[in-house]
């Protein structure tokens, strides 16, 4: 709940909600503008990528292969506004093959997911994403 927008907790919650609103609009430049230059991005069950350029490349891969909307988003933030977590449900379609994953044929999926954030100076400094990859694979096979 946002009380007055002046507390660090409120600002953190708002930043994460704005990040996901930009995602749902497909506003990649808006998302990138919310990230620290040295953002750490922990891919689900994958390696850490560092920097805004690496994140932009990730978004390009996502745009090529997937059409997703996040719904039922819940954000929790620490009192000091330096950390946050989000839970959501991904509603998506798999449009183009993604390396190492099953072939894409426009399969639809619904998948719970979540993310953890470090926040610094009004920007997102770390995003760690999680979803059940085996559940997703079972849905798109």
N, C-alpha and C. Protein backbone atom coordinates (compact mmCIF):
# COMPACT_ATOMS: atom_id res chain seq x y z
N UNK A 1 0.84 -1.16 0.00
CA UNK A 1 0.00 0.00 0.00
C UNK A 1 0.90 1.24 0.00
N UNK A 2 0.57 2.18 -0.83
CA UNK A 2 1.33 3.43 -0.89
C UNK A 2 0.60 4.46 -0.05
N UNK A 3 1.28 4.96 0.96
CA UNK A 3 0.67 5.91 1.90
C UNK A 3 0.74 7.32 1.34
N UNK A 4 1.97 7.81 1.12
CA UNK A 4 2.10 9.20 0.69
C UNK A 4 3.21 9.41 -0.36
N UNK A 5 3.86 8.33 -0.76
CA UNK A 5 4.89 8.45 -1.79
C UNK A 5 6.21 9.01 -1.32
N UNK A 6 6.34 9.31 -0.05
CA UNK A 6 7.60 9.89 0.43
C UNK A 6 8.46 8.87 1.16
N UNK A 7 7.89 7.81 1.62
CA UNK A 7 8.68 6.80 2.33
C UNK A 7 9.48 5.97 1.35
N UNK A 8 10.64 5.52 1.76
CA UNK A 8 11.50 4.69 0.90
C UNK A 8 10.76 3.43 0.46
N UNK A 9 10.01 2.84 1.34
CA UNK A 9 9.21 1.65 1.03
C UNK A 9 8.25 1.93 -0.12
N UNK A 10 7.55 3.07 -0.06
CA UNK A 10 6.60 3.45 -1.10
C UNK A 10 7.30 3.65 -2.44
N UNK A 11 8.46 4.31 -2.40
CA UNK A 11 9.20 4.56 -3.65
C UNK A 11 9.67 3.24 -4.26
N UNK A 12 10.12 2.30 -3.43
CA UNK A 12 10.56 1.00 -3.94
C UNK A 12 9.40 0.25 -4.57
N UNK A 13 8.27 0.22 -3.90
CA UNK A 13 7.09 -0.46 -4.43
C UNK A 13 6.67 0.15 -5.76
N UNK A 14 6.64 1.47 -5.81
CA UNK A 14 6.25 2.17 -7.04
C UNK A 14 7.21 1.86 -8.18
N UNK A 15 8.51 1.86 -7.91
CA UNK A 15 9.50 1.57 -8.95
C UNK A 15 9.28 0.18 -9.54
N UNK A 16 9.08 -0.82 -8.70
CA UNK A 16 8.89 -2.19 -9.20
C UNK A 16 7.57 -2.29 -9.98
N UNK A 17 6.52 -1.67 -9.49
CA UNK A 17 5.24 -1.69 -10.23
C UNK A 17 5.36 -0.98 -11.57
N UNK A 18 6.10 0.12 -11.61
CA UNK A 18 6.31 0.83 -12.89
C UNK A 18 7.14 -0.02 -13.85
N UNK A 19 8.12 -0.74 -13.33
CA UNK A 19 8.94 -1.65 -14.14
C UNK A 19 8.05 -2.70 -14.81
N UNK A 20 7.15 -3.30 -14.05
CA UNK A 20 6.27 -4.32 -14.62
C UNK A 20 5.21 -3.71 -15.54
N UNK A 21 4.76 -2.52 -15.26
CA UNK A 21 3.83 -1.85 -16.17
C UNK A 21 4.51 -1.61 -17.52
N UNK A 22 5.77 -1.19 -17.50
CA UNK A 22 6.53 -1.01 -18.75
C UNK A 22 6.68 -2.34 -19.47
N UNK A 23 6.97 -3.42 -18.73
CA UNK A 23 7.07 -4.75 -19.34
C UNK A 23 5.77 -5.09 -20.05
N UNK A 24 4.65 -4.91 -19.39
CA UNK A 24 3.36 -5.27 -19.97
C UNK A 24 3.03 -4.43 -21.20
N UNK A 25 3.55 -3.21 -21.28
CA UNK A 25 3.36 -2.36 -22.46
C UNK A 25 4.35 -2.68 -23.58
N UNK A 26 5.36 -3.49 -23.27
CA UNK A 26 6.43 -3.72 -24.25
C UNK A 26 7.32 -2.51 -24.39
N UNK A 27 7.40 -1.70 -23.36
CA UNK A 27 8.19 -0.47 -23.36
C UNK A 27 9.59 -0.78 -22.85
N UNK A 28 10.42 -1.35 -23.75
CA UNK A 28 11.76 -1.77 -23.34
C UNK A 28 12.63 -0.59 -22.94
N UNK A 29 12.53 0.53 -23.65
CA UNK A 29 13.36 1.68 -23.27
C UNK A 29 12.93 2.21 -21.90
N UNK A 30 11.65 2.16 -21.60
CA UNK A 30 11.18 2.56 -20.28
C UNK A 30 11.74 1.66 -19.19
N UNK A 31 11.75 0.34 -19.45
CA UNK A 31 12.33 -0.60 -18.49
C UNK A 31 13.82 -0.32 -18.28
N UNK A 32 14.53 -0.15 -19.39
CA UNK A 32 15.97 0.08 -19.31
C UNK A 32 16.29 1.36 -18.55
N UNK A 33 15.43 2.36 -18.66
CA UNK A 33 15.63 3.62 -17.95
C UNK A 33 15.50 3.48 -16.44
N UNK A 34 14.87 2.40 -15.99
CA UNK A 34 14.70 2.17 -14.55
C UNK A 34 15.86 1.39 -13.95
N UNK A 35 16.81 0.97 -14.78
CA UNK A 35 17.91 0.13 -14.33
C UNK A 35 19.18 0.94 -14.08
N UNK A 36 19.93 0.54 -13.07
CA UNK A 36 21.27 1.11 -12.85
C UNK A 36 22.17 0.69 -14.01
N UNK A 37 23.18 1.48 -14.32
CA UNK A 37 24.10 1.15 -15.42
C UNK A 37 24.72 -0.24 -15.24
N UNK A 38 25.01 -0.60 -13.99
CA UNK A 38 25.69 -1.87 -13.71
C UNK A 38 24.70 -2.94 -13.20
N UNK A 39 23.46 -2.86 -13.63
CA UNK A 39 22.44 -3.80 -13.16
C UNK A 39 22.90 -5.25 -13.29
N UNK A 40 22.65 -6.02 -12.25
CA UNK A 40 22.91 -7.47 -12.27
C UNK A 40 21.59 -8.16 -12.56
N UNK A 41 21.59 -9.01 -13.57
CA UNK A 41 20.38 -9.73 -13.96
C UNK A 41 20.64 -11.22 -13.84
N UNK A 42 20.00 -11.84 -12.86
CA UNK A 42 20.12 -13.28 -12.65
C UNK A 42 18.99 -13.96 -13.41
N UNK A 43 19.36 -14.63 -14.49
CA UNK A 43 18.38 -15.33 -15.31
C UNK A 43 17.88 -16.56 -14.57
N UNK A 44 16.63 -16.90 -14.79
CA UNK A 44 16.08 -18.10 -14.16
C UNK A 44 16.93 -19.31 -14.52
N UNK A 45 17.44 -19.98 -13.51
CA UNK A 45 18.24 -21.19 -13.67
C UNK A 45 19.39 -20.99 -14.66
N UNK A 46 19.93 -19.77 -14.68
CA UNK A 46 21.01 -19.48 -15.61
C UNK A 46 22.05 -18.57 -14.99
N UNK A 47 22.87 -18.02 -15.84
CA UNK A 47 24.00 -17.19 -15.41
C UNK A 47 23.56 -15.78 -15.07
N UNK A 48 24.42 -15.07 -14.38
CA UNK A 48 24.23 -13.64 -14.13
C UNK A 48 24.77 -12.86 -15.31
N UNK A 49 23.99 -11.90 -15.77
CA UNK A 49 24.42 -10.95 -16.79
C UNK A 49 24.51 -9.59 -16.12
N UNK A 50 25.50 -8.79 -16.52
CA UNK A 50 25.71 -7.51 -15.87
C UNK A 50 25.69 -6.38 -16.89
N UNK A 51 25.00 -5.31 -16.54
CA UNK A 51 24.98 -4.10 -17.35
C UNK A 51 23.68 -3.93 -18.13
N UNK A 52 23.40 -2.69 -18.42
CA UNK A 52 22.18 -2.34 -19.15
C UNK A 52 22.20 -2.90 -20.58
N UNK A 53 23.37 -2.94 -21.23
CA UNK A 53 23.44 -3.48 -22.59
C UNK A 53 23.09 -4.96 -22.61
N UNK A 54 23.57 -5.71 -21.62
CA UNK A 54 23.24 -7.13 -21.53
C UNK A 54 21.75 -7.31 -21.30
N UNK A 55 21.16 -6.43 -20.49
CA UNK A 55 19.72 -6.51 -20.23
C UNK A 55 18.94 -6.19 -21.50
N UNK A 56 19.40 -5.23 -22.28
CA UNK A 56 18.75 -4.90 -23.54
C UNK A 56 18.79 -6.09 -24.50
N UNK A 57 19.90 -6.81 -24.54
CA UNK A 57 20.01 -8.00 -25.38
C UNK A 57 19.03 -9.08 -24.90
N UNK A 58 18.89 -9.22 -23.59
CA UNK A 58 17.92 -10.17 -23.02
C UNK A 58 16.50 -9.80 -23.48
N UNK A 59 16.15 -8.51 -23.40
CA UNK A 59 14.82 -8.08 -23.82
C UNK A 59 14.59 -8.35 -25.30
N UNK A 60 15.61 -8.18 -26.12
CA UNK A 60 15.48 -8.48 -27.56
C UNK A 60 15.20 -9.97 -27.77
N UNK A 61 15.88 -10.83 -27.02
CA UNK A 61 15.60 -12.28 -27.11
C UNK A 61 14.17 -12.58 -26.69
N UNK A 62 13.75 -11.96 -25.62
CA UNK A 62 12.38 -12.16 -25.14
C UNK A 62 11.36 -11.70 -26.18
N UNK A 63 11.59 -10.54 -26.77
CA UNK A 63 10.65 -9.99 -27.75
C UNK A 63 10.54 -10.89 -28.98
N UNK A 64 11.66 -11.51 -29.36
CA UNK A 64 11.66 -12.38 -30.53
C UNK A 64 10.86 -13.66 -30.30
N UNK A 65 10.95 -14.23 -29.11
CA UNK A 65 10.39 -15.56 -28.87
C UNK A 65 9.09 -15.60 -28.09
N UNK A 66 8.78 -14.56 -27.33
CA UNK A 66 7.65 -14.64 -26.40
C UNK A 66 6.76 -13.41 -26.50
N UNK A 67 5.49 -13.62 -26.19
CA UNK A 67 4.54 -12.53 -25.95
C UNK A 67 3.97 -12.81 -24.57
N UNK A 68 4.29 -11.93 -23.61
CA UNK A 68 3.89 -12.19 -22.24
C UNK A 68 3.23 -10.97 -21.60
N UNK A 69 2.32 -11.27 -20.70
CA UNK A 69 1.72 -10.28 -19.82
C UNK A 69 1.79 -10.82 -18.41
N UNK A 70 2.14 -9.96 -17.47
CA UNK A 70 2.18 -10.35 -16.07
C UNK A 70 0.91 -9.83 -15.40
N UNK A 71 0.26 -10.72 -14.67
CA UNK A 71 -0.98 -10.37 -13.97
C UNK A 71 -0.85 -10.73 -12.50
N UNK A 72 -1.78 -10.23 -11.72
CA UNK A 72 -1.84 -10.52 -10.28
C UNK A 72 -0.50 -10.22 -9.60
N UNK A 73 0.07 -9.08 -9.92
CA UNK A 73 1.38 -8.70 -9.39
C UNK A 73 1.24 -8.22 -7.94
N UNK A 74 2.07 -8.79 -7.08
CA UNK A 74 2.14 -8.37 -5.68
C UNK A 74 3.59 -8.01 -5.40
N UNK A 75 3.82 -6.83 -4.82
CA UNK A 75 5.17 -6.36 -4.52
C UNK A 75 5.30 -6.14 -3.02
N UNK A 76 6.40 -6.63 -2.47
CA UNK A 76 6.76 -6.41 -1.08
C UNK A 76 8.11 -5.69 -1.08
N UNK A 77 8.27 -4.73 -0.19
CA UNK A 77 9.53 -3.98 -0.14
C UNK A 77 9.99 -3.84 1.30
N UNK A 78 11.31 -3.79 1.47
CA UNK A 78 11.87 -3.56 2.79
C UNK A 78 11.56 -2.14 3.24
N UNK A 79 11.56 -1.94 4.52
CA UNK A 79 11.25 -0.63 5.08
C UNK A 79 12.19 0.45 4.56
N UNK A 80 13.47 0.10 4.37
CA UNK A 80 14.44 1.10 3.92
C UNK A 80 14.46 1.28 2.39
N UNK A 81 13.65 0.50 1.67
CA UNK A 81 13.53 0.66 0.23
C UNK A 81 14.69 0.15 -0.59
N UNK A 82 15.58 -0.64 0.00
CA UNK A 82 16.73 -1.13 -0.75
C UNK A 82 16.50 -2.51 -1.37
N UNK A 83 15.45 -3.19 -0.94
CA UNK A 83 15.17 -4.52 -1.47
C UNK A 83 13.67 -4.66 -1.68
N UNK A 84 13.32 -5.47 -2.69
CA UNK A 84 11.91 -5.73 -2.96
C UNK A 84 11.78 -7.12 -3.56
N UNK A 85 10.57 -7.62 -3.50
CA UNK A 85 10.25 -8.91 -4.11
C UNK A 85 8.89 -8.77 -4.78
N UNK A 86 8.71 -9.52 -5.85
CA UNK A 86 7.43 -9.50 -6.56
C UNK A 86 7.01 -10.93 -6.89
N UNK A 87 5.72 -11.16 -6.83
CA UNK A 87 5.15 -12.42 -7.28
C UNK A 87 4.09 -12.07 -8.31
N UNK A 88 3.95 -12.92 -9.33
CA UNK A 88 3.03 -12.63 -10.42
C UNK A 88 2.67 -13.92 -11.13
N UNK A 89 1.73 -13.81 -12.06
CA UNK A 89 1.38 -14.93 -12.94
C UNK A 89 1.65 -14.48 -14.37
N UNK A 90 2.47 -15.26 -15.07
CA UNK A 90 2.80 -14.97 -16.47
C UNK A 90 1.77 -15.64 -17.36
N UNK A 91 1.17 -14.86 -18.26
CA UNK A 91 0.29 -15.38 -19.30
C UNK A 91 1.02 -15.13 -20.61
N UNK A 92 1.41 -16.21 -21.30
CA UNK A 92 2.26 -16.00 -22.46
C UNK A 92 1.98 -16.92 -23.62
N UNK A 93 2.67 -16.58 -24.71
CA UNK A 93 2.68 -17.38 -25.93
C UNK A 93 4.13 -17.51 -26.39
N UNK A 94 4.47 -18.70 -26.82
CA UNK A 94 5.83 -19.01 -27.26
C UNK A 94 5.84 -19.00 -28.79
N UNK A 95 6.45 -17.96 -29.40
CA UNK A 95 6.35 -17.70 -30.83
C UNK A 95 7.52 -18.19 -31.68
N UNK A 96 8.71 -18.10 -31.16
CA UNK A 96 9.89 -18.47 -31.95
C UNK A 96 10.83 -19.26 -31.05
N UNK A 97 11.49 -20.26 -31.63
CA UNK A 97 12.37 -21.13 -30.85
C UNK A 97 13.38 -20.31 -30.05
N UNK A 98 13.56 -20.71 -28.81
CA UNK A 98 14.58 -20.13 -27.95
C UNK A 98 15.61 -21.23 -27.72
N UNK A 99 16.88 -20.87 -27.81
CA UNK A 99 17.97 -21.84 -27.76
C UNK A 99 17.87 -22.78 -26.55
N UNK A 100 17.95 -24.08 -26.84
CA UNK A 100 17.95 -25.09 -25.79
C UNK A 100 16.57 -25.45 -25.26
N UNK A 101 15.53 -24.88 -25.84
CA UNK A 101 14.16 -25.13 -25.38
C UNK A 101 13.36 -25.81 -26.49
N UNK A 102 12.20 -26.36 -26.16
CA UNK A 102 11.40 -27.05 -27.18
C UNK A 102 11.04 -26.11 -28.34
N UNK A 103 10.68 -26.68 -29.49
CA UNK A 103 10.27 -25.86 -30.63
C UNK A 103 9.02 -25.03 -30.32
N UNK A 104 8.98 -23.82 -30.86
CA UNK A 104 7.85 -22.93 -30.66
C UNK A 104 6.82 -23.12 -31.77
N UNK A 105 5.55 -23.17 -31.35
CA UNK A 105 4.43 -23.28 -32.30
C UNK A 105 3.26 -22.41 -31.86
N UNK A 106 3.55 -21.32 -31.17
CA UNK A 106 2.49 -20.46 -30.67
C UNK A 106 1.79 -21.01 -29.43
N UNK A 107 2.47 -21.89 -28.70
CA UNK A 107 1.88 -22.49 -27.50
C UNK A 107 1.60 -21.40 -26.44
N UNK A 108 0.47 -21.57 -25.77
CA UNK A 108 0.11 -20.68 -24.67
C UNK A 108 0.49 -21.34 -23.35
N UNK A 109 0.82 -20.50 -22.37
CA UNK A 109 1.17 -21.00 -21.04
C UNK A 109 0.74 -20.00 -19.98
N UNK A 110 0.51 -20.52 -18.79
CA UNK A 110 0.22 -19.72 -17.60
C UNK A 110 1.12 -20.26 -16.51
N UNK A 111 1.91 -19.38 -15.92
CA UNK A 111 2.98 -19.83 -15.06
C UNK A 111 3.21 -18.83 -13.92
N UNK A 112 3.19 -19.29 -12.67
CA UNK A 112 3.56 -18.37 -11.59
C UNK A 112 5.05 -18.07 -11.63
N UNK A 113 5.41 -16.88 -11.23
CA UNK A 113 6.82 -16.50 -11.20
C UNK A 113 7.07 -15.47 -10.12
N UNK A 114 8.33 -15.14 -9.97
CA UNK A 114 8.68 -14.14 -8.98
C UNK A 114 10.03 -13.53 -9.28
N UNK A 115 10.34 -12.48 -8.58
CA UNK A 115 11.62 -11.79 -8.76
C UNK A 115 12.02 -11.11 -7.46
N UNK A 116 13.33 -10.97 -7.30
CA UNK A 116 13.91 -10.25 -6.18
C UNK A 116 14.72 -9.09 -6.73
N UNK A 117 14.70 -7.99 -6.03
CA UNK A 117 15.33 -6.76 -6.50
C UNK A 117 16.23 -6.16 -5.43
N UNK A 118 17.36 -5.61 -5.87
CA UNK A 118 18.14 -4.66 -5.07
C UNK A 118 17.89 -3.30 -5.72
N UNK A 119 17.66 -2.29 -4.90
CA UNK A 119 17.36 -0.95 -5.39
C UNK A 119 18.39 0.02 -4.83
N UNK A 120 18.85 0.92 -5.70
CA UNK A 120 19.90 1.86 -5.30
C UNK A 120 19.69 3.19 -6.03
N UNK A 121 19.63 4.27 -5.31
CA UNK A 121 19.52 5.62 -5.89
C UNK A 121 18.35 5.73 -6.87
N UNK A 122 17.21 5.13 -6.51
CA UNK A 122 16.01 5.23 -7.34
C UNK A 122 16.03 4.36 -8.59
N UNK A 123 16.98 3.43 -8.67
CA UNK A 123 17.11 2.54 -9.82
C UNK A 123 17.14 1.09 -9.36
N UNK A 124 16.86 0.20 -10.27
CA UNK A 124 16.96 -1.23 -10.01
C UNK A 124 18.40 -1.65 -10.27
N UNK A 125 19.06 -2.18 -9.23
CA UNK A 125 20.47 -2.57 -9.33
C UNK A 125 20.64 -4.08 -9.51
N UNK A 126 19.61 -4.84 -9.16
CA UNK A 126 19.65 -6.30 -9.37
C UNK A 126 18.23 -6.79 -9.57
N UNK A 127 18.08 -7.72 -10.54
CA UNK A 127 16.83 -8.45 -10.75
C UNK A 127 17.18 -9.93 -10.79
N UNK A 128 16.59 -10.71 -9.90
CA UNK A 128 16.75 -12.16 -9.90
C UNK A 128 15.39 -12.77 -10.18
N UNK A 129 15.25 -13.42 -11.33
CA UNK A 129 13.96 -13.98 -11.75
C UNK A 129 13.86 -15.46 -11.42
N UNK A 130 12.65 -15.89 -11.11
CA UNK A 130 12.40 -17.31 -10.88
C UNK A 130 11.04 -17.71 -11.42
N UNK A 131 11.02 -18.85 -12.09
CA UNK A 131 9.79 -19.56 -12.44
C UNK A 131 10.17 -21.02 -12.56
N UNK A 132 9.18 -21.89 -12.57
CA UNK A 132 9.44 -23.32 -12.64
C UNK A 132 9.62 -23.72 -14.10
N UNK A 133 10.87 -23.85 -14.53
CA UNK A 133 11.17 -24.16 -15.92
C UNK A 133 10.55 -25.49 -16.35
N UNK A 134 10.55 -26.48 -15.49
CA UNK A 134 9.97 -27.79 -15.85
C UNK A 134 8.47 -27.67 -16.10
N UNK A 135 7.79 -26.85 -15.32
CA UNK A 135 6.36 -26.60 -15.53
C UNK A 135 6.15 -25.95 -16.89
N UNK A 136 6.97 -24.94 -17.20
CA UNK A 136 6.84 -24.25 -18.50
C UNK A 136 7.07 -25.24 -19.65
N UNK A 137 8.12 -26.05 -19.55
CA UNK A 137 8.41 -27.02 -20.62
C UNK A 137 7.24 -27.98 -20.79
N UNK A 138 6.67 -28.45 -19.70
CA UNK A 138 5.53 -29.36 -19.79
C UNK A 138 4.35 -28.68 -20.49
N UNK A 139 4.16 -27.41 -20.26
CA UNK A 139 3.05 -26.69 -20.89
C UNK A 139 3.25 -26.45 -22.39
N UNK A 140 4.49 -26.28 -22.81
CA UNK A 140 4.72 -25.98 -24.23
C UNK A 140 5.03 -27.20 -25.08
N UNK A 141 5.22 -28.36 -24.47
CA UNK A 141 5.47 -29.59 -25.25
C UNK A 141 4.23 -30.00 -25.90
